[in-house]
C-alpha atoms as a PDB file:
ATOM      1  CA  MET A   1      97.496-131.086 -77.967  1.00  0.00           C
ATOM      2  CA  ILE A   2      99.419-129.289 -74.747  1.00  0.00           C
ATOM      3  CA  LEU A   3     103.095-129.877 -74.212  1.00  0.00           C
ATOM      4  CA  LEU A   4     104.722-130.120 -70.925  1.00  0.00           C
ATOM      5  CA  GLN A   5     107.178-127.343 -70.047  1.00  0.00           C
ATOM      6  CA  SER A   6     110.562-127.767 -69.117  1.00  0.00           C
ATOM      7  CA  PRO A   7     110.947-126.136 -65.964  1.00  0.00           C
ATOM      8  CA  SER A   8     109.808-127.332 -62.658  1.00  0.00           C
ATOM      9  CA  ARG A   9     107.330-125.197 -61.290  1.00  0.00           C
ATOM     10  CA  PHE A  10     108.142-126.022 -57.826  1.00  0.00           C
ATOM     11  CA  LEU A  11     111.936-125.740 -58.503  1.00  0.00           C
ATOM     12  CA  LEU A  12     111.489-122.464 -59.926  1.00  0.00           C
ATOM     13  CA  GLN A  13     109.028-121.260 -57.174  1.00  0.00           C
ATOM     14  CA  THR A  14     111.370-122.147 -54.508  1.00  0.00           C
ATOM     15  CA  LEU A  15     114.470-120.901 -55.532  1.00  0.00           C
ATOM     16  CA  SER A  16     112.429-117.538 -56.540  1.00  0.00           C
ATOM     17  CA  ASN A  17     111.333-117.043 -52.994  1.00  0.00           C
ATOM     18  CA  ARG A  18     115.057-117.868 -51.784  1.00  0.00           C
ATOM     19  CA  VAL A  19     116.012-115.066 -53.970  1.00  0.00           C
ATOM     20  CA  GLN A  20     113.641-112.591 -52.949  1.00  0.00           C
ATOM     21  CA  ASN A  21     114.780-113.242 -49.122  1.00  0.00           C
ATOM     22  CA  LEU A  22     118.097-114.447 -49.737  1.00  0.00           C
ATOM     23  CA  GLU A  23     119.252-111.866 -46.463  1.00  0.00           C
ATOM     24  CA  LYS A  24     117.078-113.722 -44.306  1.00  0.00           C
ATOM     25  CA  GLY A  25     117.817-116.540 -42.462  1.00  0.00           C
ATOM     26  CA  VAL A  26     115.168-119.199 -42.989  1.00  0.00           C
ATOM     27  CA  GLU A  27     115.674-123.085 -42.523  1.00  0.00           C
ATOM     28  CA  LEU A  28     114.370-125.093 -45.861  1.00  0.00           C
ATOM     29  CA  ASP A  29     113.693-128.363 -46.302  1.00  0.00           C
ATOM     30  CA  CYS A  30     111.273-129.757 -49.061  1.00  0.00           C
ATOM     31  CA  ASN A  31     110.918-132.494 -51.153  1.00  0.00           C
ATOM     32  CA  SER A  32     109.423-133.080 -54.380  1.00  0.00           C
ATOM     33  CA  VAL A  33     108.129-135.545 -56.930  1.00  0.00           C
ATOM     34  CA  GLU A  34     107.836-134.988 -60.658  1.00  0.00           C
ATOM     35  CA  PHE A  35     106.634-137.319 -63.235  1.00  0.00           C
ATOM     36  CA  ASP A  36     108.197-140.841 -64.259  1.00  0.00           C
ATOM     37  CA  ASP A  37     109.688-140.925 -61.014  1.00  0.00           C
ATOM     38  CA  VAL A  38     111.895-137.970 -60.307  1.00  0.00           C
ATOM     39  CA  ARG A  39     112.354-136.744 -56.745  1.00  0.00           C
ATOM     40  CA  TYR A  40     113.850-133.357 -55.487  1.00  0.00           C
ATOM     41  CA  HIS A  41     115.725-132.677 -52.207  1.00  0.00           C
ATOM     42  CA  ILE A  42     115.915-128.858 -51.636  1.00  0.00           C
ATOM     43  CA  GLN A  43     117.910-127.462 -48.272  1.00  0.00           C
ATOM     44  CA  VAL A  44     119.153-124.221 -47.400  1.00  0.00           C
ATOM     45  CA  SER A  45     120.611-123.460 -43.503  1.00  0.00           C
ATOM     46  CA  MET A  46     120.025-120.269 -41.668  1.00  0.00           C
ATOM     47  CA  ARG A  47     123.546-120.233 -41.145  1.00  0.00           C
ATOM     48  CA  TYR A  48     124.312-120.163 -45.140  1.00  0.00           C
ATOM     49  CA  PRO A  49     121.113-118.578 -46.484  1.00  0.00           C
ATOM     50  CA  GLN A  50     123.174-118.040 -49.863  1.00  0.00           C
ATOM     51  CA  PHE A  51     123.906-121.695 -50.540  1.00  0.00           C
ATOM     52  CA  VAL A  52     121.396-123.967 -51.897  1.00  0.00           C
ATOM     53  CA  LEU A  53     121.747-128.336 -51.735  1.00  0.00           C
ATOM     54  CA  LEU A  54     119.932-129.662 -54.372  1.00  0.00           C
ATOM     55  CA  SER A  55     119.712-133.284 -54.328  1.00  0.00           C
ATOM     56  CA  MET A  56     118.207-135.217 -57.334  1.00  0.00           C
ATOM     57  CA  SER A  57     116.880-138.764 -57.681  1.00  0.00           C
ATOM     58  CA  LEU A  58     116.406-140.238 -60.906  1.00  0.00           C
ATOM     59  CA  PRO A  59     114.152-143.024 -62.624  1.00  0.00           C
ATOM     60  CA  THR A  60     116.107-146.939 -61.782  1.00  0.00           C
ATOM     61  CA  PRO A  61     118.070-147.782 -65.187  1.00  0.00           C
ATOM     62  CA  PRO A  62     117.212-151.042 -67.008  1.00  0.00           C
ATOM     63  CA  PRO A  63     120.634-153.005 -67.601  1.00  0.00           C
ATOM     64  CA  GLU A  64     120.758-152.150 -71.033  1.00  0.00           C
ATOM     65  CA  THR A  65     121.445-148.428 -69.968  1.00  0.00           C
ATOM     66  CA  VAL A  66     124.901-146.459 -69.313  1.00  0.00           C
ATOM     67  CA  PHE A  67     125.392-145.056 -66.189  1.00  0.00           C
ATOM     68  CA  ILE A  68     128.854-143.936 -64.823  1.00  0.00           C
ATOM     69  CA  GLY A  69     128.671-143.146 -61.596  1.00  0.00           C
ATOM     70  CA  GLY A  70     124.941-143.235 -61.239  1.00  0.00           C
ATOM     71  CA  LEU A  71     124.846-140.339 -63.979  1.00  0.00           C
ATOM     72  CA  PRO A  72     123.362-140.853 -67.524  1.00  0.00           C
ATOM     73  CA  TYR A  73     126.862-140.090 -70.086  1.00  0.00           C
ATOM     74  CA  GLY A  74     127.550-136.675 -69.806  1.00  0.00           C
ATOM     75  CA  ALA A  75     125.873-135.645 -67.133  1.00  0.00           C
ATOM     76  CA  ILE A  76     128.975-134.127 -64.839  1.00  0.00           C
ATOM     77  CA  ASP A  77     129.851-131.868 -68.055  1.00  0.00           C
ATOM     78  CA  ALA A  78     126.280-131.000 -69.092  1.00  0.00           C
ATOM     79  CA  ILE A  79     125.858-129.176 -65.801  1.00  0.00           C
ATOM     80  CA  LYS A  80     129.395-127.402 -65.430  1.00  0.00           C
ATOM     81  CA  ALA A  81     128.531-125.948 -68.934  1.00  0.00           C
ATOM     82  CA  ALA A  82     124.852-124.888 -67.528  1.00  0.00           C
ATOM     83  CA  TYR A  83     125.341-123.384 -64.753  1.00  0.00           C
ATOM     84  CA  GLY A  84     129.046-122.498 -64.302  1.00  0.00           C
ATOM     85  CA  VAL A  85     130.594-121.120 -61.184  1.00  0.00           C
ATOM     86  CA  LEU A  86     127.065-120.916 -59.483  1.00  0.00           C
ATOM     87  CA  VAL A  87     127.800-125.066 -59.007  1.00  0.00           C
ATOM     88  CA  GLN A  88     129.626-127.236 -56.955  1.00  0.00           C
ATOM     89  CA  ILE A  89     129.421-130.801 -57.258  1.00  0.00           C
ATOM     90  CA  LEU A  90     128.866-132.650 -54.113  1.00  0.00           C
ATOM     91  CA  ASP A  91     130.341-136.366 -54.132  1.00  0.00           C
ATOM     92  CA  PRO A  92     128.944-138.678 -52.646  1.00  0.00           C
ATOM     93  CA  PRO A  93     125.549-137.060 -53.120  1.00  0.00           C
ATOM     94  CA  ARG A  94     122.950-137.787 -49.933  1.00  0.00           C
ATOM     95  CA  ASP A  95     121.718-141.002 -49.499  1.00  0.00           C
ATOM     96  CA  GLY A  96     119.098-142.253 -51.725  1.00  0.00           C
ATOM     97  CA  PHE A  97     119.948-139.839 -54.528  1.00  0.00           C
ATOM     98  CA  ASN A  98     122.038-140.132 -58.049  1.00  0.00           C
ATOM     99  CA  LEU A  99     123.430-136.380 -57.549  1.00  0.00           C
ATOM    100  CA  THR A 100     123.575-133.591 -54.740  1.00  0.00           C
ATOM    101  CA  MET A 101     124.522-130.094 -56.320  1.00  0.00           C
ATOM    102  CA  LYS A 102     125.248-126.610 -53.571  1.00  0.00           C
ATOM    103  CA  PHE A 103     124.411-123.509 -56.024  1.00  0.00           C
ATOM    104  CA  ASN A 104     125.809-120.268 -54.805  1.00  0.00           C
ATOM    105  CA  LEU A 105     122.906-117.820 -55.543  1.00  0.00           C
ATOM    106  CA  SER A 106     125.027-114.632 -53.960  1.00  0.00           C
ATOM    107  CA  LYS A 107     126.746-115.370 -57.683  1.00  0.00           C
ATOM    108  CA  LEU A 108     123.693-114.546 -59.943  1.00  0.00           C
ATOM    109  CA  PRO A 109     123.992-112.034 -61.716  1.00  0.00           C
ATOM    110  CA  PRO A 110     122.204-108.316 -60.968  1.00  0.00           C
ATOM    111  CA  ASP A 111     120.126-108.034 -63.609  1.00  0.00           C
ATOM    112  CA  GLU A 112     117.112-109.248 -63.046  1.00  0.00           C
ATOM    113  CA  GLU A 113     116.596-110.684 -66.468  1.00  0.00           C
ATOM    114  CA  GLN A 114     119.799-112.777 -66.416  1.00  0.00           C
ATOM    115  CA  ARG A 115     118.906-113.726 -63.004  1.00  0.00           C
ATOM    116  CA  GLN A 116     115.475-114.987 -63.958  1.00  0.00           C
ATOM    117  CA  ALA A 117     116.819-116.743 -66.819  1.00  0.00           C
ATOM    118  CA  ILE A 118     119.345-118.954 -64.820  1.00  0.00           C
ATOM    119  CA  LEU A 119     116.782-119.596 -62.179  1.00  0.00           C
ATOM    120  CA  VAL A 120     114.712-121.258 -64.927  1.00  0.00           C
ATOM    121  CA  LYS A 121     117.720-123.280 -65.968  1.00  0.00           C
ATOM    122  CA  ILE A 122     118.460-124.550 -62.398  1.00  0.00           C
ATOM    123  CA  ALA A 123     114.910-125.535 -62.429  1.00  0.00           C
ATOM    124  CA  SER A 124     115.275-127.392 -65.772  1.00  0.00           C
ATOM    125  CA  VAL A 125     117.601-129.753 -63.950  1.00  0.00           C
ATOM    126  CA  ARG A 126     115.925-132.490 -65.026  1.00  0.00           C
ATOM    127  CA  GLU A 127     116.442-131.470 -68.910  1.00  0.00           C
ATOM    128  CA  VAL A 128     120.385-130.733 -68.056  1.00  0.00           C
ATOM    129  CA  VAL A 129     120.862-134.732 -66.757  1.00  0.00           C
ATOM    130  CA  LEU A 130     118.332-137.127 -68.248  1.00  0.00           C
ATOM    131  CA  GLY A 131     118.721-135.353 -71.496  1.00  0.00           C
ATOM    132  CA  ALA A 132     122.446-135.006 -71.490  1.00  0.00           C
ATOM    133  CA  PRO A 133     123.411-138.402 -73.364  1.00  0.00           C
ATOM    134  CA  ILE A 134     120.505-136.845 -76.307  1.00  0.00           C
ATOM    135  CA  ARG A 135     122.168-133.194 -76.370  1.00  0.00           C
ATOM    136  CA  LEU A 136     125.989-134.972 -77.228  1.00  0.00           C
ATOM    137  CA  ILE A 137     124.403-136.947 -80.020  1.00  0.00           C
ATOM    138  CA  LEU A 138     121.959-134.312 -81.585  1.00  0.00           C
ATOM    139  CA  LYS A 139     125.111-131.353 -81.183  1.00  0.00           C
ATOM    140  CA  HIS A 140     127.019-133.695 -83.350  1.00  0.00           C
ATOM    141  CA  LEU A 141     124.527-134.229 -85.725  1.00  0.00           C
ATOM    142  CA  ALA A 142     124.630-130.452 -85.939  1.00  0.00           C
ATOM    143  CA  SER A 143     127.823-130.329 -87.355  1.00  0.00           C
ATOM    144  CA  ARG A 144     127.237-134.135 -89.310  1.00  0.00           C
ATOM    145  CA  THR A 145     129.313-136.563 -87.567  1.00  0.00           C
ATOM    146  CA  VAL A 146     128.903-138.696 -85.132  1.00  0.00           C
ATOM    147  CA  ALA A 147     129.499-138.373 -81.462  1.00  0.00           C
ATOM    148  CA  PRO A 148     133.243-140.613 -80.838  1.00  0.00           C
ATOM    149  CA  ASN A 149     132.618-143.476 -78.551  1.00  0.00           C
ATOM    150  CA  VAL A 150     128.637-143.824 -79.008  1.00  0.00           C
ATOM    151  CA  ASP A 151     127.586-147.598 -79.823  1.00  0.00           C
ATOM    152  CA  ARG A 152     125.316-147.805 -82.769  1.00  0.00           C
ATOM    153  CA  LEU A 153     122.642-148.352 -80.910  1.00  0.00           C
ATOM    154  CA  VAL A 154     122.582-146.345 -77.429  1.00  0.00           C
ATOM    155  CA  ALA A 155     119.858-146.940 -74.152  1.00  0.00           C
ATOM    156  CA  LEU A 156     118.524-144.113 -72.761  1.00  0.00           C
ATOM    157  CA  VAL A 157     116.395-144.251 -69.245  1.00  0.00           C
ATOM    158  CA  HIS A 158     113.291-142.558 -69.438  1.00  0.00           C
ATOM    159  CA  ARG A 159     111.332-144.498 -66.603  1.00  0.00           C
ATOM    160  CA  PRO A 160     111.849-146.953 -63.959  1.00  0.00           C
ATOM    161  CA  MET A 161     113.347-150.015 -65.469  1.00  0.00           C
ATOM    162  CA  GLU A 162     112.052-148.644 -68.938  1.00  0.00           C
ATOM    163  CA  SER A 163     114.666-147.361 -71.906  1.00  0.00           C
ATOM    164  CA  PHE A 164     114.232-145.979 -75.451  1.00  0.00           C
ATOM    165  CA  PHE A 165     117.027-146.087 -78.406  1.00  0.00           C
ATOM    166  CA  LEU A 166     119.068-143.718 -80.371  1.00  0.00           C
ATOM    167  CA  VAL A 167     120.702-144.960 -83.603  1.00  0.00           C
ATOM    168  CA  PRO A 168     122.957-141.748 -84.107  1.00  0.00           C
ATOM    169  CA  GLN A 169     123.825-141.245 -87.951  1.00  0.00           C
ATOM    170  CA  ALA A 170     125.967-138.683 -89.239  1.00  0.00           C
ATOM    171  CA  GLU A 171     123.219-137.177 -91.294  1.00  0.00           C
ATOM    172  CA  LYS A 172     120.028-138.074 -88.957  1.00  0.00           C
ATOM    173  CA  VAL A 173     119.745-139.579 -85.492  1.00  0.00           C
ATOM    174  CA  THR A 174     116.970-142.425 -85.376  1.00  0.00           C
ATOM    175  CA  VAL A 175     114.724-142.114 -82.253  1.00  0.00           C
ATOM    176  CA  VAL A 176     112.190-145.097 -80.972  1.00  0.00           C
ATOM    177  CA  LEU A 177     110.298-145.188 -78.112  1.00  0.00           C
ATOM    178  CA  PRO A 178     108.943-148.418 -76.632  1.00  0.00           C
ATOM    179  CA  MET A 179     105.472-147.908 -75.487  1.00  0.00           C
ATOM    180  CA  ARG A 180     104.109-149.545 -72.705  1.00  0.00           C
ATOM    181  CA  PHE A 181     101.249-148.787 -69.859  1.00  0.00           C
ATOM    182  CA  LYS A 182     100.041-151.170 -67.101  1.00  0.00           C
ATOM    183  CA  ASP A 183      96.052-150.511 -66.947  1.00  0.00           C
ATOM    184  CA  SER A 184      94.463-151.580 -69.958  1.00  0.00           C
ATOM    185  CA  ILE A 185      92.306-148.835 -70.665  1.00  0.00           C
ATOM    186  CA  ASP A 186      95.324-147.271 -71.058  1.00  0.00           C
ATOM    187  CA  THR A 187      96.871-149.067 -73.589  1.00  0.00           C
ATOM    188  CA  VAL A 188      93.830-148.815 -75.975  1.00  0.00           C
ATOM    189  CA  LEU A 189      94.010-145.288 -75.221  1.00  0.00           C
ATOM    190  CA  ALA A 190      97.690-144.765 -76.212  1.00  0.00           C
ATOM    191  CA  THR A 191      97.066-146.937 -78.944  1.00  0.00           C
ATOM    192  CA  SER A 192      94.569-144.398 -80.665  1.00  0.00           C
ATOM    193  CA  PHE A 193      96.480-141.860 -79.889  1.00  0.00           C
ATOM    194  CA  LEU A 194      99.589-142.593 -81.002  1.00  0.00           C
ATOM    195  CA  GLN A 195      97.691-143.434 -84.324  1.00  0.00           C
ATOM    196  CA  GLU A 196      96.209-139.981 -84.531  1.00  0.00           C
ATOM    197  CA  PHE A 197      99.662-138.514 -83.328  1.00  0.00           C
ATOM    198  CA  VAL A 198     101.357-139.975 -86.619  1.00  0.00           C
ATOM    199  CA  ALA A 199      98.374-139.322 -88.996  1.00  0.00           C
ATOM    200  CA  ALA A 200      98.619-135.487 -87.668  1.00  0.00           C
ATOM    201  CA  ARG A 201     101.932-135.296 -88.993  1.00  0.00           C
ATOM    202  CA  ARG A 202     100.740-136.076 -92.716  1.00  0.00           C
ATOM    203  CA  THR A 203      98.631-132.461 -92.126  1.00  0.00           C
ATOM    204  CA  THR A 204     100.352-129.298 -94.220  1.00  0.00           C
ATOM    205  CA  GLY A 205     101.297-127.351 -91.770  1.00  0.00           C
ATOM    206  CA  LEU A 206     103.525-130.008 -90.229  1.00  0.00           C
ATOM    207  CA  ASN A 207     105.745-130.439 -93.114  1.00  0.00           C
ATOM    208  CA  ASN A 208     109.093-129.291 -91.736  1.00  0.00           C
ATOM    209  CA  ALA A 209     108.433-131.702 -88.415  1.00  0.00           C
ATOM    210  CA  PRO A 210     110.417-134.465 -87.486  1.00  0.00           C
ATOM    211  CA  PRO A 211     109.269-137.939 -89.528  1.00  0.00           C
ATOM    212  CA  CYS A 212     107.210-139.857 -87.038  1.00  0.00           C
ATOM    213  CA  SER A 213     105.865-143.335 -87.344  1.00  0.00           C
ATOM    214  CA  TRP A 214     103.995-146.093 -85.292  1.00  0.00           C
ATOM    215  CA  SER A 215     104.346-149.599 -85.523  1.00  0.00           C
ATOM    216  CA  PRO A 216     102.701-152.515 -82.984  1.00  0.00           C
ATOM    217  CA  SER A 217     106.097-154.856 -83.616  1.00  0.00           C
ATOM    218  CA  PRO A 218     109.920-153.516 -83.199  1.00  0.00           C
ATOM    219  CA  PRO A 219     111.510-151.735 -86.126  1.00  0.00           C
ATOM    220  CA  LEU A 220     114.825-153.028 -87.851  1.00  0.00           C
ATOM    221  CA  GLU A 221     116.633-150.037 -85.888  1.00  0.00           C
ATOM    222  CA  LEU A 222     116.238-152.362 -82.739  1.00  0.00           C
ATOM    223  CA  LYS A 223     117.695-155.150 -83.979  1.00  0.00           C
ATOM    224  CA  GLY A 224     119.738-156.329 -81.194  1.00  0.00           C
ATOM    225  CA  ALA A 225     118.056-154.697 -78.333  1.00  0.00           C
ATOM    226  CA  PRO A 226     117.420-156.961 -75.418  1.00  0.00           C
ATOM    227  CA  ALA A 227     114.126-158.873 -75.256  1.00  0.00           C
ATOM    228  CA  GLN A 228     112.819-157.518 -71.802  1.00  0.00           C
ATOM    229  CA  ALA A 229     113.230-153.724 -73.350  1.00  0.00           C
ATOM    230  CA  LEU A 230     110.834-155.114 -76.555  1.00  0.00           C
ATOM    231  CA  SER A 231     107.930-156.098 -74.045  1.00  0.00           C
ATOM    232  CA  VAL A 232     105.202-153.409 -74.830  1.00  0.00           C
ATOM    233  CA  ASN A 233     101.669-153.322 -75.470  1.00  0.00           C
ATOM    234  CA  ALA A 234     101.213-150.014 -76.979  1.00  0.00           C
ATOM    235  CA  GLY A 235     103.682-150.339 -79.604  1.00  0.00           C
ATOM    236  CA  PHE A 236     106.736-148.388 -81.032  1.00  0.00           C
ATOM    237  CA  VAL A 237     106.359-144.405 -81.922  1.00  0.00           C
ATOM    238  CA  THR A 238     109.951-143.703 -84.405  1.00  0.00           C
ATOM    239  CA  PHE A 239     111.131-140.190 -84.845  1.00  0.00           C
ATOM    240  CA  VAL A 240     113.640-139.545 -87.422  1.00  0.00           C
ATOM    241  CA  ILE A 241     115.958-136.352 -86.463  1.00  0.00           C
ATOM    242  CA  PHE A 242     117.747-134.474 -89.459  1.00  0.00           C
ATOM    243  CA  PRO A 243     120.223-131.465 -88.443  1.00  0.00           C
ATOM    244  CA  ARG A 244     117.525-128.866 -89.733  1.00  0.00           C
ATOM    245  CA  HIS A 245     115.945-129.606 -86.174  1.00  0.00           C
ATOM    246  CA  VAL A 246     118.715-128.983 -84.016  1.00  0.00           C
ATOM    247  CA  GLU A 247     119.777-125.658 -85.170  1.00  0.00           C
ATOM    248  CA  GLY A 248     120.269-122.689 -83.130  1.00  0.00           C
ATOM    249  CA  LYS A 249     117.701-122.813 -80.341  1.00  0.00           C
ATOM    250  CA  LYS A 250     116.171-125.655 -81.651  1.00  0.00           C
ATOM    251  CA  LEU A 251     118.147-128.068 -79.966  1.00  0.00           C
ATOM    252  CA  ASP A 252     116.903-127.171 -76.821  1.00  0.00           C
ATOM    253  CA  ARG A 253     113.675-128.141 -77.841  1.00  0.00           C
ATOM    254  CA  THR A 254     113.954-131.080 -79.371  1.00  0.00           C
ATOM    255  CA  VAL A 255     116.000-132.914 -75.840  1.00  0.00           C
ATOM    256  CA  TRP A 256     113.134-131.983 -74.168  1.00  0.00           C
ATOM    257  CA  SER A 257     110.756-133.060 -76.459  1.00  0.00           C
ATOM    258  CA  LEU A 258     112.308-136.506 -76.972  1.00  0.00           C
ATOM    259  CA  SER A 259     113.002-136.836 -73.355  1.00  0.00           C
ATOM    260  CA  THR A 260     109.026-136.744 -72.146  1.00  0.00           C
ATOM    261  CA  PHE A 261     107.572-138.096 -74.680  1.00  0.00           C
ATOM    262  CA  ARG A 262     105.939-140.712 -72.535  1.00  0.00           C
ATOM    263  CA  ALA A 263     104.710-138.434 -69.820  1.00  0.00           C
ATOM    264  CA  TYR A 264     103.494-136.406 -72.789  1.00  0.00           C
ATOM    265  CA  VAL A 265     101.464-139.469 -74.358  1.00  0.00           C
ATOM    266  CA  SER A 266     100.649-140.559 -70.349  1.00  0.00           C
ATOM    267  CA  TYR A 267      99.154-137.025 -69.883  1.00  0.00           C
ATOM    268  CA  HIS A 268      96.894-136.585 -72.972  1.00  0.00           C
ATOM    269  CA  VAL A 269      95.670-140.364 -72.107  1.00  0.00           C
ATOM    270  CA  LYS A 270      94.675-139.116 -68.508  1.00  0.00           C
ATOM    271  CA  CYS A 271      92.877-135.911 -70.042  1.00  0.00           C
ATOM    272  CA  SER A 272      91.010-138.217 -72.212  1.00  0.00           C
ATOM    273  CA  GLU A 273      89.472-140.869 -69.412  1.00  0.00           C
ATOM    274  CA  GLY A 274      89.014-137.495 -67.552  1.00  0.00           C
ATOM    275  CA  PHE A 275      86.871-136.217 -70.460  1.00  0.00           C
ATOM    276  CA  MET A 276      85.394-139.422 -70.968  1.00  0.00           C
ATOM    277  CA  HIS A 277      84.439-139.873 -67.145  1.00  0.00           C
ATOM    278  CA  THR A 278      82.828-136.164 -67.522  1.00  0.00           C
ATOM    279  CA  ARG A 279      81.093-136.988 -70.654  1.00  0.00           C
ATOM    280  CA  MET A 280      79.433-140.037 -68.997  1.00  0.00           C
ATOM    281  CA  ARG A 281      78.591-138.347 -65.336  1.00  0.00           C
ATOM    282  CA  ARG A 282      76.725-135.690 -67.631  1.00  0.00           C
ATOM    283  CA  ARG A 283      74.938-138.182 -69.460  1.00  0.00           C
ATOM    284  CA  VAL A 284      73.607-139.826 -66.167  1.00  0.00           C
ATOM    285  CA  GLU A 285      72.554-136.368 -64.790  1.00  0.00           C
ATOM    286  CA  SER A 286      70.365-135.785 -67.761  1.00  0.00           C
ATOM    287  CA  LEU A 287      68.974-139.081 -67.702  1.00  0.00           C
ATOM    288  CA  ILE A 288      68.087-138.702 -63.931  1.00  0.00           C
ATOM    289  CA  LEU A 289      66.610-135.153 -64.886  1.00  0.00           C
ATOM    290  CA  ALA A 290      64.593-137.010 -67.210  1.00  0.00           C
ATOM    291  CA  LEU A 291      63.115-139.661 -65.127  1.00  0.00           C
ATOM    292  CA  ASP A 292      62.778-137.070 -62.112  1.00  0.00           C
ATOM    293  CA  ARG A 293      60.690-134.754 -64.492  1.00  0.00           C
ATOM    294  CA  ALA A 294      58.627-137.782 -65.997  1.00  0.00           C
ATOM    295  CA  LYS A 295      57.892-139.219 -62.117  1.00  0.00           C
ATOM    296  CA  PRO A 296      54.968-136.614 -61.466  1.00  0.00           C
ATOM    297  CA  ASP A 297      53.067-137.383 -64.281  1.00  0.00           C
ATOM    298  CA  VAL A 298      52.788-140.712 -63.461  1.00  0.00           C
ATOM    299  CA  GLU A 299      51.769-140.006 -59.703  1.00  0.00           C
ATOM    300  CA  LYS A 300      48.988-137.718 -61.395  1.00  0.00           C
ATOM    301  CA  SER A 301      47.465-140.155 -63.693  1.00  0.00           C
ATOM    302  CA  ARG A 302      47.643-142.360 -60.399  1.00  0.00           C
ATOM    303  CA  LYS A 303      45.981-140.003 -58.531  1.00  0.00           C
ATOM    304  CA  ALA A 304      43.411-139.625 -61.023  1.00  0.00           C
ATOM    305  CA  ALA A 305      42.699-143.147 -61.718  1.00  0.00           C
ATOM    306  CA  ASN A 306      42.311-143.766 -57.576  1.00  0.00           C
ATOM    307  CA  SER A 307      39.927-140.114 -57.741  1.00  0.00           C
ATOM    308  CA  ARG A 308      37.582-141.763 -60.351  1.00  0.00           C
ATOM    309  CA  SER A 309      34.151-142.763 -58.843  1.00  0.00           C
ATOM    310  CA  PHE A 310      31.077-144.304 -60.342  1.00  0.00           C
ATOM    311  CA  LYS A 311      27.398-143.585 -59.607  1.00  0.00           C
ATOM    312  CA  ARG A 312      25.205-146.391 -58.706  1.00  0.00           C
ATOM    313  CA  LEU A 313      22.187-146.755 -60.853  1.00  0.00           C
ATOM    314  CA  SER A 314      18.779-147.106 -58.830  1.00  0.00           C
ATOM    315  CA  LEU A 315      15.617-149.154 -60.582  1.00  0.00           C
ATOM    316  CA  LYS A 316      13.173-147.969 -58.329  1.00  0.00           C
ATOM    317  CA  GLY A 317      12.477-144.871 -60.361  1.00  0.00           C
ATOM    318  CA  ASN A 318      11.303-146.977 -63.773  1.00  0.00           C
ATOM    319  CA  PRO A 319       8.205-147.539 -64.603  1.00  0.00           C
ATOM    320  CA  GLY A 320       7.345-151.184 -65.533  1.00  0.00           C
END
C-alpha cells in the first residue's frame, strides 16, 4: 500500500524555486487545489521578493465541528509554534480563503539542510492547520492526560461537510472515521478494501500498530453524534491510539495518517479501478488478436471451397 506524503509538492517546488532566486524581482501568482478540497494561493511581488503571501482555503465544515475564526481549534498556536519568526498571520485573510500568512524568506537559516527542512514544514501547512486539534489531543495522550476544555466527543472536518470523531481519554484516544462515497462502484471497492485493511492488522509484523476495526453500523463511541454525520455507505473505521503510538517523532506521522486516511482510502480505490480497467482492456485486446488470427483460416477455407471444380462424366465412350 502507498502512503500519501505530507508536504505539498506544489508548495515545496514553488518555495524552493523562490529561495534559489531570492534576489531576482520576479512576480509570482499561483493557485493550486489539493485533495479533500484544500486550495492554495501563492503571491510574490517584484517590489518585495523576500516576502511570500500564502493563502489557504479549507473544506467547508459541517455543523458539528468547531471552527474559531474560520480555523480549527488550536490552529493559530500550531502555526506560530511551527514557523516562529518566519510567519505573520494577516487578519483578515484574502477573500475566499480561511487563512493568509506572510513568510519572510530572508530569515531562513543559512544552513542548506535546515533551510530545506523549514521549507518542507511550510509545504506541510495542511497538516499543521487541519491537524492542530488532533495534535493537541494526542500530545496530552503522550502524558496520559486529557486536554482541557475538550468535549467527550470531538468532531473534526476532513472533507467538505464531512467530519470524523475523536474520543479523548487519559489512556487512549479512539478515532472513528465515517466512510461515504458518491459512486456505487467506489463504495463496493472501499468496503472490500477496508475489510482487508482491518484483516491485515492481524498479521505478525503489525502487532505494535494501533488496533483497527470496521463496522457497517455506528460504534458505541458515536452515541450522541448528529444523525447526518452517521449517514454512510461504506461503514465506520475505528482506530485506538495509545501513548506508545505518539512518542517522539511518531506524533507527526500519526497526526498525518489520521487526518488523511479518507484520502488514503480514496487513492487506493481509484488505483484499483484503474488496475481493473487496464486488465479488462488487455483482455479485450487479447480476444481481438485471437479473432484476427482466426480470420485468415476461415477465409482460406472459403476460397478453397469456392475453387473446387467437378469434371463432368461423358457416356459417349462407354460400350453397350
